[in-house]
Amino acid sequence: MGNHAIRLLKANEIECRVSIVKENGVSLLLYKDARVDQRILDETFGLFGWKRSHQCIDGNLYCTVAVYDKETGEWVAKQDVGTMGYAEKEKSQASDSFKRACFNCV
């Protein structure tokens, strides 16, 4: 994939949700949404330098992220499975599988 350096997250790309509230304090969940990964892929590889696809395998949703390697003329792909969230189950599984596949590209 050449010498493309994938940048670190910016502070404004990290969101925060309250996970647990107890009498003695709270637990916070730090996360990023899939749009952050899409933006970073666009910045790093260009709009047409990467692609994604989803497929269902044994009832689980997998995402494949492929990056075009100009040196070899081939697509280099990474794949991972997503987990379902509590709300918007299909959307959360697609988003999670995409973010996990992107993590594999680093």
Protein backbone atom coordinates (compact mmCIF):
# COMPACT_ATOMS: atom_id res chain seq x y z
CA MET A 1 0.00 0.00 0.00
CA GLY A 2 2.94 2.23 -0.60
CA ASN A 3 4.08 4.81 1.87
CA HIS A 4 0.64 6.06 2.91
CA ALA A 5 0.70 6.99 6.58
CA ILE A 6 -2.69 6.80 8.26
CA ARG A 7 -2.97 9.70 10.67
CA LEU A 8 -3.97 9.53 14.31
CA LEU A 9 -7.44 10.55 15.44
CA LYS A 10 -8.07 14.19 16.22
CA ALA A 11 -9.64 15.12 19.57
CA ASN A 12 -12.80 16.40 17.88
CA GLU A 13 -13.30 13.01 16.19
CA ILE A 14 -13.67 11.18 19.51
CA GLU A 15 -17.13 11.10 21.05
CA CYS A 16 -18.14 10.22 24.58
CA ARG A 17 -21.17 8.32 25.92
CA VAL A 18 -22.15 7.55 29.47
CA SER A 19 -21.87 3.79 29.89
CA ILE A 20 -22.70 3.21 33.57
CA VAL A 21 -24.00 5.55 36.26
CA LYS A 22 -23.55 4.55 39.91
CA GLU A 23 -23.65 6.37 43.22
CA ASN A 24 -19.85 6.55 43.35
CA GLY A 25 -19.32 7.74 39.77
CA VAL A 26 -19.78 7.09 36.08
CA SER A 27 -18.10 5.01 33.43
CA LEU A 28 -17.61 6.70 30.06
CA LEU A 29 -17.27 5.10 26.65
CA LEU A 30 -14.97 6.82 24.16
CA TYR A 31 -15.68 5.98 20.53
CA LYS A 32 -15.54 7.16 16.92
CA ASP A 33 -18.20 6.68 14.31
CA ALA A 34 -17.72 5.11 10.87
CA ARG A 35 -17.72 8.53 9.18
CA VAL A 36 -14.36 9.24 10.85
CA ASP A 37 -12.83 6.16 9.23
CA GLN A 38 -14.35 7.07 5.86
CA ARG A 39 -12.87 10.57 6.11
CA ILE A 40 -9.42 9.22 7.04
CA LEU A 41 -9.48 6.71 4.15
CA ASP A 42 -10.49 9.51 1.74
CA GLU A 43 -7.67 11.75 3.02
CA THR A 44 -5.07 8.98 2.88
CA PHE A 45 -5.95 7.06 -0.29
CA GLY A 46 -8.26 9.44 -2.18
CA LEU A 47 -11.94 9.02 -2.97
CA PHE A 48 -11.31 6.22 -5.47
CA GLY A 49 -8.31 4.61 -3.74
CA TRP A 50 -10.36 2.46 -1.38
CA LYS A 51 -13.64 0.56 -1.32
CA ARG A 52 -15.80 -1.42 1.06
CA SER A 53 -18.22 -4.29 0.75
CA HIS A 54 -20.35 -6.30 3.16
CA GLN A 55 -21.36 -9.93 3.14
CA CYS A 56 -23.27 -12.21 5.49
CA ILE A 57 -21.40 -15.37 6.52
CA ASP A 58 -23.16 -17.83 8.84
CA GLY A 59 -25.56 -15.09 9.97
CA ASN A 60 -22.78 -12.62 10.80
CA LEU A 61 -22.11 -9.43 8.87
CA TYR A 62 -18.55 -9.06 7.60
CA CYS A 63 -17.04 -5.96 6.04
CA THR A 64 -14.14 -5.98 3.61
CA VAL A 65 -12.10 -2.80 3.15
CA ALA A 66 -9.80 -2.79 0.14
CA VAL A 67 -7.09 -0.25 -0.67
CA TYR A 68 -5.62 0.10 -4.16
CA ASP A 69 -1.86 -0.39 -4.30
CA LYS A 70 -0.55 1.66 -7.23
CA GLU A 71 2.84 -0.10 -7.11
CA THR A 72 1.41 -3.58 -7.73
CA GLY A 73 -1.84 -2.57 -9.43
CA GLU A 74 -3.79 -4.76 -7.03
CA TRP A 75 -6.40 -4.27 -4.33
CA VAL A 76 -5.22 -5.21 -0.82
CA ALA A 77 -8.19 -6.25 1.32
CA LYS A 78 -8.80 -6.69 5.04
CA GLN A 79 -11.96 -8.19 6.52
CA ASP A 80 -13.60 -8.39 9.94
CA VAL A 81 -16.94 -9.20 11.53
CA GLY A 82 -19.13 -6.79 13.47
CA THR A 83 -21.17 -7.16 16.62
CA MET A 84 -24.76 -6.02 17.02
CA GLY A 85 -25.59 -3.09 19.26
CA TYR A 86 -28.79 -2.61 21.25
CA ALA A 87 -30.33 0.03 19.00
CA GLU A 88 -30.50 -0.12 15.19
CA LYS A 89 -29.04 -3.62 15.19
CA GLU A 90 -28.32 -3.97 11.45
CA LYS A 91 -26.79 -0.49 11.21
CA SER A 92 -24.64 -1.02 14.29
CA GLN A 93 -23.34 -4.35 12.98
CA ALA A 94 -22.45 -2.81 9.60
CA SER A 95 -20.73 0.14 11.26
CA ASP A 96 -18.85 -2.07 13.70
CA SER A 97 -17.66 -4.48 11.01
CA PHE A 98 -16.45 -1.51 8.91
CA LYS A 99 -14.54 0.07 11.81
CA ARG A 100 -12.96 -3.29 12.69
CA ALA A 101 -11.92 -3.90 9.08
CA CYS A 102 -10.41 -0.39 8.97
CA PHE A 103 -8.43 -1.12 12.12
CA ASN A 104 -6.92 -4.12 10.32
CA CYS A 105 -5.61 -1.75 7.62
CA VAL A 106 -3.37 0.08 10.07
